[in-house]
Each structure stands twice: as structure tokens, then as C-alpha cells.
All heavy atoms as atom14 arrays in JSON, in Angstrom:
{
  "sequence": "QALFYAGEFSRLARSAGLGLTGQLQIGFVGSAKYAFLPSMLPLFSEQ",
  "atom14_mask": [
    [1, 1, 1, 1, 1, 1, 1, 1, 1, 0, 0, 0, 0, 0],
    [1, 1, 1, 1, 1, 0, 0, 0, 0, 0, 0, 0, 0, 0],
    [1, 1, 1, 1, 1, 1, 1, 1, 0, 0, 0, 0, 0, 0],
    [1, 1, 1, 1, 1, 1, 1, 1, 1, 1, 1, 0, 0, 0],
    [1, 1, 1, 1, 1, 1, 1, 1, 1, 1, 1, 1, 0, 0],
    [1, 1, 1, 1, 1, 0, 0, 0, 0, 0, 0, 0, 0, 0],
    [1, 1, 1, 1, 0, 0, 0, 0, 0, 0, 0, 0, 0, 0],
    [1, 1, 1, 1, 1, 1, 1, 1, 1, 0, 0, 0, 0, 0],
    [1, 1, 1, 1, 1, 1, 1, 1, 1, 1, 1, 0, 0, 0],
    [1, 1, 1, 1, 1, 1, 0, 0, 0, 0, 0, 0, 0, 0],
    [1, 1, 1, 1, 1, 1, 1, 1, 1, 1, 1, 0, 0, 0],
    [1, 1, 1, 1, 1, 1, 1, 1, 0, 0, 0, 0, 0, 0],
    [1, 1, 1, 1, 1, 0, 0, 0, 0, 0, 0, 0, 0, 0],
    [1, 1, 1, 1, 1, 1, 1, 1, 1, 1, 1, 0, 0, 0],
    [1, 1, 1, 1, 1, 1, 0, 0, 0, 0, 0, 0, 0, 0],
    [1, 1, 1, 1, 1, 0, 0, 0, 0, 0, 0, 0, 0, 0],
    [1, 1, 1, 1, 0, 0, 0, 0, 0, 0, 0, 0, 0, 0],
    [1, 1, 1, 1, 1, 1, 1, 1, 0, 0, 0, 0, 0, 0],
    [1, 1, 1, 1, 0, 0, 0, 0, 0, 0, 0, 0, 0, 0],
    [1, 1, 1, 1, 1, 1, 1, 1, 0, 0, 0, 0, 0, 0],
    [1, 1, 1, 1, 1, 1, 1, 0, 0, 0, 0, 0, 0, 0],
    [1, 1, 1, 1, 0, 0, 0, 0, 0, 0, 0, 0, 0, 0],
    [1, 1, 1, 1, 1, 1, 1, 1, 1, 0, 0, 0, 0, 0],
    [1, 1, 1, 1, 1, 1, 1, 1, 0, 0, 0, 0, 0, 0],
    [1, 1, 1, 1, 1, 1, 1, 1, 1, 0, 0, 0, 0, 0],
    [1, 1, 1, 1, 1, 1, 1, 1, 0, 0, 0, 0, 0, 0],
    [1, 1, 1, 1, 0, 0, 0, 0, 0, 0, 0, 0, 0, 0],
    [1, 1, 1, 1, 1, 1, 1, 1, 1, 1, 1, 0, 0, 0],
    [1, 1, 1, 1, 1, 1, 1, 0, 0, 0, 0, 0, 0, 0],
    [1, 1, 1, 1, 0, 0, 0, 0, 0, 0, 0, 0, 0, 0],
    [1, 1, 1, 1, 1, 1, 0, 0, 0, 0, 0, 0, 0, 0],
    [1, 1, 1, 1, 1, 0, 0, 0, 0, 0, 0, 0, 0, 0],
    [1, 1, 1, 1, 1, 1, 1, 1, 1, 0, 0, 0, 0, 0],
    [1, 1, 1, 1, 1, 1, 1, 1, 1, 1, 1, 1, 0, 0],
    [1, 1, 1, 1, 1, 0, 0, 0, 0, 0, 0, 0, 0, 0],
    [1, 1, 1, 1, 1, 1, 1, 1, 1, 1, 1, 0, 0, 0],
    [1, 1, 1, 1, 1, 1, 1, 1, 0, 0, 0, 0, 0, 0],
    [1, 1, 1, 1, 1, 1, 1, 0, 0, 0, 0, 0, 0, 0],
    [1, 1, 1, 1, 1, 1, 0, 0, 0, 0, 0, 0, 0, 0],
    [1, 1, 1, 1, 1, 1, 1, 1, 0, 0, 0, 0, 0, 0],
    [1, 1, 1, 1, 1, 1, 1, 1, 0, 0, 0, 0, 0, 0],
    [1, 1, 1, 1, 1, 1, 1, 0, 0, 0, 0, 0, 0, 0],
    [1, 1, 1, 1, 1, 1, 1, 1, 0, 0, 0, 0, 0, 0],
    [1, 1, 1, 1, 1, 1, 1, 1, 1, 1, 1, 0, 0, 0],
    [1, 1, 1, 1, 1, 1, 0, 0, 0, 0, 0, 0, 0, 0],
    [1, 1, 1, 1, 1, 1, 1, 1, 1, 0, 0, 0, 0, 0],
    [1, 1, 1, 1, 1, 1, 1, 1, 1, 0, 0, 0, 0, 0]
  ],
  "atom14_positions": [
    [[143.79, 109.72, 100.03], [143.16, 108.98, 101.09], [142.93, 109.85, 102.33], [141.89, 109.76, 102.99], [144.03, 107.77, 101.47], [144.04, 106.68, 100.41], [144.9, 105.5, 100.83], [145.43, 105.47, 101.93], [145.02, 104.52, 99.94], [0.0, 0.0, 0.0], [0.0, 0.0, 0.0], [0.0, 0.0, 0.0], [0.0, 0.0, 0.0], [0.0, 0.0, 0.0]],
    [[143.92, 110.7, 102.62], [143.78, 111.59, 103.78], [142.59, 112.53, 103.6], [141.82, 112.76, 104.54], [145.06, 112.39, 103.98], [0.0, 0.0, 0.0], [0.0, 0.0, 0.0], [0.0, 0.0, 0.0], [0.0, 0.0, 0.0], [0.0, 0.0, 0.0], [0.0, 0.0, 0.0], [0.0, 0.0, 0.0], [0.0, 0.0, 0.0], [0.0, 0.0, 0.0]],
    [[142.41, 113.06, 102.38], [141.27, 113.94, 102.12], [139.95, 113.18, 102.23], [138.96, 113.69, 102.77], [141.41, 114.57, 100.72], [142.5, 115.63, 100.58], [142.66, 116.02, 99.12], [142.18, 116.86, 101.43], [0.0, 0.0, 0.0], [0.0, 0.0, 0.0], [0.0, 0.0, 0.0], [0.0, 0.0, 0.0], [0.0, 0.0, 0.0], [0.0, 0.0, 0.0]],
    [[139.96, 111.93, 101.72], [138.75, 111.12, 101.79], [138.35, 110.87, 103.25], [137.2, 111.05, 103.64], [138.96, 109.79, 101.07], [137.85, 108.79, 101.3], [136.63, 108.91, 100.65], [138.03, 107.74, 102.2], [135.61, 108.0, 100.89], [137.01, 106.83, 102.44], [135.81, 106.96, 101.78], [0.0, 0.0, 0.0], [0.0, 0.0, 0.0], [0.0, 0.0, 0.0]],
    [[139.32, 110.44, 104.06], [139.01, 110.12, 105.45], [138.66, 111.37, 106.27], [137.86, 111.29, 107.21], [140.16, 109.36, 106.1], [140.27, 107.93, 105.6], [141.4, 107.48, 104.93], [139.21, 107.05, 105.79], [141.48, 106.18, 104.46], [139.28, 105.75, 105.33], [140.42, 105.31, 104.66], [140.48, 104.02, 104.2], [0.0, 0.0, 0.0], [0.0, 0.0, 0.0]],
    [[139.22, 112.48, 105.88], [138.84, 113.72, 106.55], [137.38, 114.04, 106.27], [136.62, 114.45, 107.16], [139.74, 114.86, 106.09], [0.0, 0.0, 0.0], [0.0, 0.0, 0.0], [0.0, 0.0, 0.0], [0.0, 0.0, 0.0], [0.0, 0.0, 0.0], [0.0, 0.0, 0.0], [0.0, 0.0, 0.0], [0.0, 0.0, 0.0], [0.0, 0.0, 0.0]],
    [[136.98, 113.83, 105.0], [135.57, 114.04, 104.65], [134.66, 113.04, 105.34], [133.57, 113.39, 105.79], [0.0, 0.0, 0.0], [0.0, 0.0, 0.0], [0.0, 0.0, 0.0], [0.0, 0.0, 0.0], [0.0, 0.0, 0.0], [0.0, 0.0, 0.0], [0.0, 0.0, 0.0], [0.0, 0.0, 0.0], [0.0, 0.0, 0.0], [0.0, 0.0, 0.0]],
    [[135.1, 111.77, 105.42], [134.32, 110.75, 106.1], [134.15, 111.07, 107.58], [133.09, 110.85, 108.16], [135.0, 109.37, 105.96], [134.77, 108.71, 104.62], [133.31, 108.31, 104.46], [132.91, 107.27, 105.01], [132.57, 109.04, 103.79], [0.0, 0.0, 0.0], [0.0, 0.0, 0.0], [0.0, 0.0, 0.0], [0.0, 0.0, 0.0], [0.0, 0.0, 0.0]],
    [[135.21, 111.59, 108.19], [135.15, 111.97, 109.6], [134.03, 112.98, 109.83], [133.21, 112.84, 110.74], [136.5, 112.55, 110.04], [136.48, 113.12, 111.43], [136.61, 112.31, 112.54], [136.32, 114.49, 111.62], [136.58, 112.84, 113.82], [136.29, 115.03, 112.9], [136.43, 114.2, 114.0], [0.0, 0.0, 0.0], [0.0, 0.0, 0.0], [0.0, 0.0, 0.0]],
    [[133.98, 113.99, 108.98], [132.94, 115.02, 109.13], [131.56, 114.45, 108.88], [130.6, 114.74, 109.61], [133.21, 116.17, 108.16], [134.47, 116.77, 108.43], [0.0, 0.0, 0.0], [0.0, 0.0, 0.0], [0.0, 0.0, 0.0], [0.0, 0.0, 0.0], [0.0, 0.0, 0.0], [0.0, 0.0, 0.0], [0.0, 0.0, 0.0], [0.0, 0.0, 0.0]],
    [[131.45, 113.61, 107.84], [130.14, 113.05, 107.51], [129.62, 112.14, 108.62], [128.45, 112.21, 109.01], [130.24, 112.25, 106.2], [128.9, 111.69, 105.72], [129.07, 110.93, 104.43], [129.91, 109.76, 104.61], [129.47, 108.6, 105.09], [128.21, 108.47, 105.49], [130.26, 107.57, 105.2], [0.0, 0.0, 0.0], [0.0, 0.0, 0.0], [0.0, 0.0, 0.0]],
    [[130.48, 111.26, 109.14], [130.07, 110.35, 110.19], [129.72, 111.09, 111.47], [128.79, 110.71, 112.19], [131.18, 109.32, 110.46], [131.38, 108.28, 109.35], [132.62, 107.44, 109.64], [130.16, 107.39, 109.21], [0.0, 0.0, 0.0], [0.0, 0.0, 0.0], [0.0, 0.0, 0.0], [0.0, 0.0, 0.0], [0.0, 0.0, 0.0], [0.0, 0.0, 0.0]],
    [[130.49, 112.15, 111.76], [130.19, 112.94, 112.95], [128.81, 113.6, 112.83], [128.03, 113.61, 113.78], [131.27, 114.0, 113.16], [0.0, 0.0, 0.0], [0.0, 0.0, 0.0], [0.0, 0.0, 0.0], [0.0, 0.0, 0.0], [0.0, 0.0, 0.0], [0.0, 0.0, 0.0], [0.0, 0.0, 0.0], [0.0, 0.0, 0.0], [0.0, 0.0, 0.0]],
    [[128.51, 114.14, 111.64], [127.19, 114.75, 111.43], [126.09, 113.7, 111.52], [125.03, 113.94, 112.11], [127.15, 115.45, 110.07], [127.94, 116.75, 110.0], [127.59, 117.53, 108.76], [127.87, 116.77, 107.55], [129.04, 116.81, 106.9], [130.03, 117.56, 107.36], [129.22, 116.12, 105.8], [0.0, 0.0, 0.0], [0.0, 0.0, 0.0], [0.0, 0.0, 0.0]],
    [[126.33, 112.51, 110.92], [125.33, 111.44, 110.95], [125.05, 110.99, 112.37], [123.9, 110.77, 112.77], [125.8, 110.24, 110.11], [125.88, 110.58, 108.75], [0.0, 0.0, 0.0], [0.0, 0.0, 0.0], [0.0, 0.0, 0.0], [0.0, 0.0, 0.0], [0.0, 0.0, 0.0], [0.0, 0.0, 0.0], [0.0, 0.0, 0.0], [0.0, 0.0, 0.0]],
    [[126.11, 110.83, 113.16], [125.95, 110.4, 114.54], [125.16, 111.44, 115.33], [124.31, 111.12, 116.16], [127.3, 110.15, 115.19], [0.0, 0.0, 0.0], [0.0, 0.0, 0.0], [0.0, 0.0, 0.0], [0.0, 0.0, 0.0], [0.0, 0.0, 0.0], [0.0, 0.0, 0.0], [0.0, 0.0, 0.0], [0.0, 0.0, 0.0], [0.0, 0.0, 0.0]],
    [[125.46, 112.72, 115.08], [124.76, 113.78, 115.78], [123.28, 113.8, 115.46], [122.46, 114.17, 116.3], [0.0, 0.0, 0.0], [0.0, 0.0, 0.0], [0.0, 0.0, 0.0], [0.0, 0.0, 0.0], [0.0, 0.0, 0.0], [0.0, 0.0, 0.0], [0.0, 0.0, 0.0], [0.0, 0.0, 0.0], [0.0, 0.0, 0.0], [0.0, 0.0, 0.0]],
    [[122.91, 113.36, 114.25], [121.5, 113.33, 113.86], [120.85, 111.98, 114.13], [119.67, 111.79, 113.82], [121.39, 113.66, 112.35], [121.81, 115.06, 111.94], [121.84, 115.18, 110.42], [120.86, 116.1, 112.53], [0.0, 0.0, 0.0], [0.0, 0.0, 0.0], [0.0, 0.0, 0.0], [0.0, 0.0, 0.0], [0.0, 0.0, 0.0], [0.0, 0.0, 0.0]],
    [[121.63, 111.03, 114.67], [121.09, 109.7, 114.92], [121.0, 108.86, 113.67], [120.24, 107.89, 113.61], [0.0, 0.0, 0.0], [0.0, 0.0, 0.0], [0.0, 0.0, 0.0], [0.0, 0.0, 0.0], [0.0, 0.0, 0.0], [0.0, 0.0, 0.0], [0.0, 0.0, 0.0], [0.0, 0.0, 0.0], [0.0, 0.0, 0.0], [0.0, 0.0, 0.0]],
    [[121.77, 109.19, 112.63], [121.69, 108.49, 111.35], [122.71, 107.37, 111.23], [122.93, 106.84, 110.14], [121.89, 109.48, 110.19], [120.94, 110.67, 110.18], [121.21, 111.55, 108.97], [119.49, 110.21, 110.17], [0.0, 0.0, 0.0], [0.0, 0.0, 0.0], [0.0, 0.0, 0.0], [0.0, 0.0, 0.0], [0.0, 0.0, 0.0], [0.0, 0.0, 0.0]],
    [[123.33, 107.0, 112.31], [124.31, 105.92, 112.29], [124.07, 105.04, 113.5], [123.37, 105.42, 114.44], [125.74, 106.48, 112.3], [126.67, 105.39, 112.13], [126.06, 107.2, 113.6], [0.0, 0.0, 0.0], [0.0, 0.0, 0.0], [0.0, 0.0, 0.0], [0.0, 0.0, 0.0], [0.0, 0.0, 0.0], [0.0, 0.0, 0.0], [0.0, 0.0, 0.0]],
    [[124.62, 103.85, 113.48], [124.46, 102.93, 114.6], [124.14, 101.54, 114.12], [124.44, 101.17, 112.98], [0.0, 0.0, 0.0], [0.0, 0.0, 0.0], [0.0, 0.0, 0.0], [0.0, 0.0, 0.0], [0.0, 0.0, 0.0], [0.0, 0.0, 0.0], [0.0, 0.0, 0.0], [0.0, 0.0, 0.0], [0.0, 0.0, 0.0], [0.0, 0.0, 0.0]],
    [[123.52, 100.77, 114.98], [123.21, 99.36, 114.7], [121.75, 99.1, 115.01], [121.2, 99.63, 115.97], [124.1, 98.46, 115.56], [123.84, 96.97, 115.36], [124.82, 96.13, 116.15], [126.0, 96.06, 115.85], [124.33, 95.48, 117.19], [0.0, 0.0, 0.0], [0.0, 0.0, 0.0], [0.0, 0.0, 0.0], [0.0, 0.0, 0.0], [0.0, 0.0, 0.0]],
    [[121.11, 98.28, 114.17], [119.71, 97.93, 114.36], [119.58, 96.41, 114.29], [119.89, 95.8, 113.26], [118.83, 98.59, 113.3], [117.32, 98.35, 113.44], [116.8, 98.96, 114.75], [116.57, 98.95, 112.25], [0.0, 0.0, 0.0], [0.0, 0.0, 0.0], [0.0, 0.0, 0.0], [0.0, 0.0, 0.0], [0.0, 0.0, 0.0], [0.0, 0.0, 0.0]],
    [[119.15, 95.81, 115.38], [118.96, 94.36, 115.44], [117.49, 94.04, 115.22], [116.63, 94.5, 115.97], [119.44, 93.82, 116.78], [120.92, 94.09, 117.03], [121.4, 93.49, 118.32], [121.82, 92.33, 118.38], [121.34, 94.27, 119.39], [0.0, 0.0, 0.0], [0.0, 0.0, 0.0], [0.0, 0.0, 0.0], [0.0, 0.0, 0.0], [0.0, 0.0, 0.0]],
    [[117.21, 93.27, 114.17], [115.84, 93.0, 113.74], [115.56, 91.5, 113.83], [116.28, 90.68, 113.29], [115.62, 93.46, 112.28], [115.97, 94.95, 112.12], [114.19, 93.19, 111.84], [115.98, 95.41, 110.67], [0.0, 0.0, 0.0], [0.0, 0.0, 0.0], [0.0, 0.0, 0.0], [0.0, 0.0, 0.0], [0.0, 0.0, 0.0], [0.0, 0.0, 0.0]],
    [[114.48, 91.15, 114.51], [113.98, 89.79, 114.48], [112.8, 89.71, 113.52], [111.97, 90.61, 113.5], [0.0, 0.0, 0.0], [0.0, 0.0, 0.0], [0.0, 0.0, 0.0], [0.0, 0.0, 0.0], [0.0, 0.0, 0.0], [0.0, 0.0, 0.0], [0.0, 0.0, 0.0], [0.0, 0.0, 0.0], [0.0, 0.0, 0.0], [0.0, 0.0, 0.0]],
    [[112.73, 88.66, 112.72], [111.65, 88.59, 111.73], [111.15, 87.17, 111.55], [111.89, 86.2, 111.72], [112.12, 89.16, 110.38], [113.18, 88.32, 109.69], [112.84, 87.37, 108.73], [114.52, 88.49, 110.0], [113.81, 86.6, 108.11], [115.5, 87.73, 109.38], [115.14, 86.78, 108.43], [0.0, 0.0, 0.0], [0.0, 0.0, 0.0], [0.0, 0.0, 0.0]],
    [[109.87, 87.06, 111.21], [109.28, 85.76, 110.87], [109.58, 85.46, 109.41], [109.84, 86.35, 108.61], [107.76, 85.76, 111.12], [107.46, 85.84, 112.6], [107.07, 86.89, 110.36], [0.0, 0.0, 0.0], [0.0, 0.0, 0.0], [0.0, 0.0, 0.0], [0.0, 0.0, 0.0], [0.0, 0.0, 0.0], [0.0, 0.0, 0.0], [0.0, 0.0, 0.0]],
    [[109.52, 84.17, 109.08], [109.9, 83.75, 107.73], [109.1, 84.39, 106.62], [109.63, 84.68, 105.54], [0.0, 0.0, 0.0], [0.0, 0.0, 0.0], [0.0, 0.0, 0.0], [0.0, 0.0, 0.0], [0.0, 0.0, 0.0], [0.0, 0.0, 0.0], [0.0, 0.0, 0.0], [0.0, 0.0, 0.0], [0.0, 0.0, 0.0], [0.0, 0.0, 0.0]],
    [[107.82, 84.65, 106.84], [106.99, 85.22, 105.77], [107.39, 86.64, 105.42], [106.99, 87.16, 104.37], [105.51, 85.17, 106.16], [105.29, 85.74, 107.42], [0.0, 0.0, 0.0], [0.0, 0.0, 0.0], [0.0, 0.0, 0.0], [0.0, 0.0, 0.0], [0.0, 0.0, 0.0], [0.0, 0.0, 0.0], [0.0, 0.0, 0.0], [0.0, 0.0, 0.0]],
    [[108.19, 87.3, 106.27], [108.67, 88.64, 105.94], [109.67, 88.6, 104.79], [109.95, 89.64, 104.17], [109.32, 89.29, 107.16], [0.0, 0.0, 0.0], [0.0, 0.0, 0.0], [0.0, 0.0, 0.0], [0.0, 0.0, 0.0], [0.0, 0.0, 0.0], [0.0, 0.0, 0.0], [0.0, 0.0, 0.0], [0.0, 0.0, 0.0], [0.0, 0.0, 0.0]],
    [[110.21, 87.42, 104.49], [111.21, 87.31, 103.42], [110.6, 87.37, 102.03], [111.3, 87.59, 101.05], [111.98, 85.98, 103.54], [112.79, 85.85, 104.82], [113.7, 84.62, 104.78], [112.93, 83.36, 104.57], [113.8, 82.16, 104.62], [0.0, 0.0, 0.0], [0.0, 0.0, 0.0], [0.0, 0.0, 0.0], [0.0, 0.0, 0.0], [0.0, 0.0, 0.0]],
    [[109.28, 87.18, 101.93], [108.66, 87.07, 100.61], [108.49, 88.41, 99.92], [108.79, 88.55, 98.74], [107.31, 86.35, 100.74], [107.43, 84.96, 101.3], [106.66, 84.56, 102.39], [108.31, 84.04, 100.75], [106.77, 83.29, 102.92], [108.42, 82.75, 101.27], [107.66, 82.38, 102.35], [107.78, 81.12, 102.88], [0.0, 0.0, 0.0], [0.0, 0.0, 0.0]],
    [[108.02, 89.42, 100.62], [107.78, 90.72, 99.99], [108.34, 91.88, 100.8], [108.98, 92.78, 100.25], [106.26, 90.92, 99.78], [0.0, 0.0, 0.0], [0.0, 0.0, 0.0], [0.0, 0.0, 0.0], [0.0, 0.0, 0.0], [0.0, 0.0, 0.0], [0.0, 0.0, 0.0], [0.0, 0.0, 0.0], [0.0, 0.0, 0.0], [0.0, 0.0, 0.0]],
    [[108.14, 91.85, 102.12], [108.51, 93.01, 102.94], [110.02, 93.26, 102.95], [110.47, 94.36, 102.58], [108.0, 92.82, 104.37], [108.32, 93.98, 105.27], [107.58, 95.16, 105.19], [109.36, 93.92, 106.17], [107.88, 96.24, 106.01], [109.67, 94.98, 107.01], [108.93, 96.15, 106.92], [0.0, 0.0, 0.0], [0.0, 0.0, 0.0], [0.0, 0.0, 0.0]],
    [[110.81, 92.3, 103.37], [112.25, 92.53, 103.49], [112.93, 92.78, 102.15], [113.8, 93.65, 102.06], [112.9, 91.36, 104.23], [112.63, 91.28, 105.73], [113.28, 90.04, 106.33], [113.15, 92.53, 106.45], [0.0, 0.0, 0.0], [0.0, 0.0, 0.0], [0.0, 0.0, 0.0], [0.0, 0.0, 0.0], [0.0, 0.0, 0.0], [0.0, 0.0, 0.0]],
    [[112.6, 92.03, 101.07], [113.27, 92.3, 99.79], [113.09, 93.73, 99.29], [113.96, 94.25, 98.58], [112.62, 91.29, 98.84], [112.21, 90.17, 99.72], [111.76, 90.83, 101.0], [0.0, 0.0, 0.0], [0.0, 0.0, 0.0], [0.0, 0.0, 0.0], [0.0, 0.0, 0.0], [0.0, 0.0, 0.0], [0.0, 0.0, 0.0], [0.0, 0.0, 0.0]],
    [[111.98, 94.37, 99.63], [111.79, 95.76, 99.19], [112.24, 96.75, 100.25], [112.75, 97.83, 99.93], [110.32, 96.01, 98.84], [109.5, 95.86, 99.99], [0.0, 0.0, 0.0], [0.0, 0.0, 0.0], [0.0, 0.0, 0.0], [0.0, 0.0, 0.0], [0.0, 0.0, 0.0], [0.0, 0.0, 0.0], [0.0, 0.0, 0.0], [0.0, 0.0, 0.0]],
    [[112.1, 96.39, 101.52], [112.38, 97.32, 102.6], [113.87, 97.49, 102.86], [114.35, 98.61, 103.1], [111.68, 96.82, 103.88], [111.81, 97.76, 105.06], [111.05, 99.36, 104.76], [111.85, 100.33, 106.03], [0.0, 0.0, 0.0], [0.0, 0.0, 0.0], [0.0, 0.0, 0.0], [0.0, 0.0, 0.0], [0.0, 0.0, 0.0], [0.0, 0.0, 0.0]],
    [[114.64, 96.41, 102.82], [116.05, 96.51, 103.19], [116.85, 97.39, 102.22], [117.63, 98.24, 102.67], [116.67, 95.1, 103.28], [116.13, 94.23, 104.43], [116.86, 92.9, 104.46], [116.25, 94.95, 105.78], [0.0, 0.0, 0.0], [0.0, 0.0, 0.0], [0.0, 0.0, 0.0], [0.0, 0.0, 0.0], [0.0, 0.0, 0.0], [0.0, 0.0, 0.0]],
    [[116.72, 97.22, 100.9], [117.45, 98.14, 100.0], [117.03, 99.59, 100.18], [117.86, 100.5, 100.13], [117.1, 97.62, 98.6], [116.67, 96.22, 98.81], [116.01, 96.18, 100.15], [0.0, 0.0, 0.0], [0.0, 0.0, 0.0], [0.0, 0.0, 0.0], [0.0, 0.0, 0.0], [0.0, 0.0, 0.0], [0.0, 0.0, 0.0], [0.0, 0.0, 0.0]],
    [[115.73, 99.81, 100.41], [115.22, 101.17, 100.61], [115.84, 101.8, 101.84], [116.32, 102.94, 101.8], [113.7, 101.11, 100.75], [112.98, 102.42, 101.11], [113.08, 103.4, 99.96], [111.52, 102.14, 101.46], [0.0, 0.0, 0.0], [0.0, 0.0, 0.0], [0.0, 0.0, 0.0], [0.0, 0.0, 0.0], [0.0, 0.0, 0.0], [0.0, 0.0, 0.0]],
    [[115.87, 101.07, 102.94], [116.41, 101.61, 104.19], [117.92, 101.81, 104.08], [118.45, 102.83, 104.54], [116.08, 100.66, 105.34], [116.53, 101.18, 106.69], [115.8, 102.17, 107.33], [117.67, 100.7, 107.29], [116.2, 102.67, 108.56], [118.09, 101.18, 108.52], [117.35, 102.17, 109.16], [0.0, 0.0, 0.0], [0.0, 0.0, 0.0], [0.0, 0.0, 0.0]],
    [[118.63, 100.86, 103.5], [120.08, 100.98, 103.39], [120.5, 102.13, 102.5], [121.53, 102.76, 102.72], [120.66, 99.67, 102.85], [120.46, 98.62, 103.77], [0.0, 0.0, 0.0], [0.0, 0.0, 0.0], [0.0, 0.0, 0.0], [0.0, 0.0, 0.0], [0.0, 0.0, 0.0], [0.0, 0.0, 0.0], [0.0, 0.0, 0.0], [0.0, 0.0, 0.0]],
    [[119.68, 102.43, 101.5], [119.98, 103.58, 100.63], [119.8, 104.89, 101.41], [120.59, 105.82, 101.26], [119.07, 103.56, 99.41], [119.33, 104.71, 98.44], [118.43, 104.67, 97.23], [117.63, 103.72, 97.09], [118.52, 105.61, 96.41], [0.0, 0.0, 0.0], [0.0, 0.0, 0.0], [0.0, 0.0, 0.0], [0.0, 0.0, 0.0], [0.0, 0.0, 0.0]],
    [[118.78, 104.95, 102.24], [118.51, 106.18, 103.0], [119.49, 106.34, 104.16], [119.87, 107.47, 104.49], [117.07, 106.15, 103.54], [116.01, 106.27, 102.47], [114.6, 106.24, 103.06], [114.43, 106.12, 104.27], [113.6, 106.36, 102.21], [0.0, 0.0, 0.0], [0.0, 0.0, 0.0], [0.0, 0.0, 0.0], [0.0, 0.0, 0.0], [0.0, 0.0, 0.0]]
  ]
}
């Protein structure tokens, strides 16, 4: 566990430095649920 968290510490620090971490608040209309969000959210979360 100590090795895992040490690796996570480095990874998160690098991600934060590149702006790859944080929070994104999204407002959306209902029609976005039909095609856009079902394909976009998994894609973005994977990246």
C-alpha cells in the first residue's frame, strides 16, 4: 500500500501540474442525454 500511494502521489502531482486534475461542473439540457453525454462522458473520464 505504501508503494502504491507513493506512486499515486507522484502521478497526482504530475497531473495537477499539467492541469489534468480538478473538478468540472457541467449544466446540460435534457436532450444532451440522448447521444452526446452517453458517448462523451466515458470518453472524457478515460482520458
